Amino acid sequence: MNPQYFTTQFSDNVCFVILENQTYQLLGKNPSCYIDPVDDTKLILKVGYQPKFIPGDKIIFYNSNFGHQECDKKLNVFIFNYIKSPLNPVSPIILYDLPTSIINPCDDNTISLKLKMNDGFRDFIEIKWTYSVDGSN
């Protein structure tokens, strides 16, 4: 494929031009699509903020929208276009600002989020807390 096609032909987000809307929406806010600089036969789809796809979702391209260099016929059939499970999944890491005072399990307590990593640019669905009591009640 021609990497210049992706940088010179479009002023809009390339993903929006080559992907069906339902796939574009699954990639999150402001995804990016580009030709792999090392291997120009690979198209890289980089997710944006808050992607919604899950393993098994299909990546749907517009038919006859792009093709190979010096070839008049555009691509109509796409293979390997399903989202696969990650090869090396990682769990999110969450750091909190822990209160300096003793937490009272009978009252509302505020524990602020300090940093989150490995979150896949997604918001958390839920966080479950547990606590234990040391000493006597």
Protein backbone atom coordinates (compact mmCIF):
# COMPACT_ATOMS: atom_id res chain seq x y z
CA MET A 1 0.00 0.00 0.00
CA ASN A 2 1.07 3.54 -0.53
CA PRO A 3 1.83 5.37 2.75
CA GLN A 4 1.66 8.73 0.94
CA TYR A 5 -1.97 8.03 0.09
CA PHE A 6 -2.78 8.16 3.77
CA THR A 7 -0.91 11.39 4.44
CA THR A 8 -1.63 13.42 1.31
CA GLN A 9 -5.12 12.40 0.15
CA PHE A 10 -7.09 13.19 3.28
CA SER A 11 -7.42 16.21 5.48
CA ASP A 12 -9.92 14.34 7.67
CA ASN A 13 -9.08 11.51 10.03
CA VAL A 14 -8.06 8.64 7.70
CA CYS A 15 -9.89 6.10 9.88
CA PHE A 16 -13.15 7.94 9.22
CA VAL A 17 -12.57 7.72 5.47
CA ILE A 18 -11.65 4.02 5.21
CA LEU A 19 -13.73 2.43 8.00
CA GLU A 20 -17.47 1.93 8.20
CA ASN A 21 -19.01 4.19 10.87
CA GLN A 22 -19.79 1.34 13.29
CA THR A 23 -16.11 0.30 13.31
CA TYR A 24 -14.92 3.89 13.54
CA GLN A 25 -17.11 4.44 16.62
CA LEU A 26 -15.71 1.32 18.32
CA LEU A 27 -12.15 2.70 18.06
CA GLY A 28 -12.94 5.53 20.48
CA LYS A 29 -12.41 9.27 20.22
CA ASN A 30 -9.84 10.41 17.66
CA PRO A 31 -8.29 7.09 16.57
CA SER A 32 -5.51 7.05 13.98
CA CYS A 33 -4.90 4.78 11.00
CA TYR A 34 -1.61 4.59 9.16
CA ILE A 35 0.65 2.31 7.15
CA ASP A 36 3.32 0.54 9.21
CA PRO A 37 6.57 2.44 8.44
CA VAL A 38 8.54 -0.83 8.63
CA ASP A 39 6.17 -3.00 6.55
CA ASP A 40 4.01 -1.15 4.00
CA THR A 41 1.69 -4.17 3.66
CA LYS A 42 0.29 -3.59 7.17
CA LEU A 43 -2.35 -1.09 8.15
CA ILE A 44 -2.19 -0.03 11.81
CA LEU A 45 -5.36 1.08 13.58
CA LYS A 46 -4.50 2.92 16.78
CA VAL A 47 -7.36 3.29 19.23
CA GLY A 48 -8.44 6.64 20.56
CA TYR A 49 -9.74 7.54 24.02
CA GLN A 50 -12.46 5.26 25.44
CA PRO A 51 -12.53 2.53 22.77
CA LYS A 52 -15.51 0.18 22.92
CA PHE A 53 -14.43 -2.84 20.90
CA ILE A 54 -14.03 -6.28 22.41
CA PRO A 55 -12.41 -9.47 21.08
CA GLY A 56 -14.53 -10.91 18.29
CA ASP A 57 -15.74 -7.55 16.92
CA LYS A 58 -15.32 -7.21 13.16
CA ILE A 59 -13.35 -4.37 11.56
CA ILE A 60 -15.45 -3.28 8.58
CA PHE A 61 -13.78 -1.28 5.79
CA TYR A 62 -15.53 0.63 3.03
CA ASN A 63 -15.29 -1.46 -0.15
CA SER A 64 -13.30 -0.14 -3.12
CA ASN A 65 -11.83 2.72 -1.10
CA PHE A 66 -8.10 2.00 -1.22
CA GLY A 67 -5.66 -0.39 -2.81
CA HIS A 68 -2.05 -1.22 -3.58
CA GLN A 69 0.43 1.05 -5.35
CA GLU A 70 0.27 1.01 -9.14
CA CYS A 71 -2.86 -1.14 -9.13
CA ASP A 72 -6.11 0.23 -10.53
CA LYS A 73 -8.32 -2.34 -8.79
CA LYS A 74 -9.31 -1.36 -5.25
CA LEU A 75 -9.53 -3.79 -2.32
CA ASN A 76 -12.92 -5.43 -1.74
CA VAL A 77 -12.08 -8.44 0.42
CA PHE A 78 -10.41 -8.13 3.81
CA ILE A 79 -9.05 -11.01 5.87
CA PHE A 80 -7.88 -11.06 9.49
CA ASN A 81 -10.36 -8.30 10.23
CA TYR A 82 -11.65 -9.52 13.60
CA ILE A 83 -10.38 -8.15 16.91
CA LYS A 84 -8.35 -10.85 18.63
CA SER A 85 -7.69 -11.23 22.34
CA PRO A 86 -4.44 -9.59 23.46
CA LEU A 87 -1.35 -11.77 23.30
CA ASN A 88 0.02 -10.38 26.56
CA PRO A 89 -2.92 -8.99 28.54
CA VAL A 90 -2.07 -6.81 31.49
CA SER A 91 -4.22 -5.77 34.41
CA PRO A 92 -4.82 -2.10 35.10
CA ILE A 93 -2.67 -0.51 37.78
CA ILE A 94 -4.42 2.01 39.99
CA LEU A 95 -2.74 4.32 42.49
CA TYR A 96 -4.75 6.25 45.07
CA ASP A 97 -4.17 9.08 47.47
CA LEU A 98 -4.81 7.19 50.66
CA PRO A 99 -6.21 9.22 53.54
CA THR A 100 -3.81 10.01 56.35
CA SER A 101 -6.58 9.63 58.93
CA ILE A 102 -8.17 6.36 59.98
CA ILE A 103 -10.98 5.25 57.65
CA ASN A 104 -14.31 4.75 59.39
CA PRO A 105 -16.26 1.84 57.83
CA CYS A 106 -19.52 3.34 59.15
CA ASP A 107 -19.10 6.67 57.33
CA ASP A 108 -18.63 7.77 53.73
CA ASN A 109 -14.94 7.93 52.89
CA THR A 110 -13.29 9.66 49.95
CA ILE A 111 -10.27 8.05 48.33
CA SER A 112 -9.06 10.02 45.30
CA LEU A 113 -7.61 8.43 42.19
CA LYS A 114 -3.99 9.47 41.78
CA LEU A 115 -2.92 7.58 38.64
CA LYS A 116 -4.12 4.78 36.39
CA MET A 117 -2.01 2.79 33.96
CA ASN A 118 -2.68 -0.09 31.53
CA ASP A 119 -6.32 0.96 31.29
CA GLY A 120 -6.51 0.68 27.50
CA PHE A 121 -7.74 4.30 27.36
CA ARG A 122 -11.05 3.07 28.80
CA ASP A 123 -13.03 4.26 31.78
CA PHE A 124 -13.54 1.74 34.54
CA ILE A 125 -16.93 0.07 34.69
CA GLU A 126 -16.75 -0.50 38.42
CA ILE A 127 -14.24 -0.70 41.22
CA LYS A 128 -14.93 -3.02 44.14
CA TRP A 129 -13.46 -2.35 47.53
CA THR A 130 -12.82 -4.64 50.45
CA TYR A 131 -11.40 -3.78 53.81
CA SER A 132 -10.24 -5.58 56.90
CA VAL A 133 -10.14 -4.46 60.50
CA ASP A 134 -6.95 -4.85 62.47
CA GLY A 135 -7.30 -5.03 66.22
CA SER A 136 -10.47 -4.82 68.27
CA ASN A 137 -13.64 -2.99 67.28
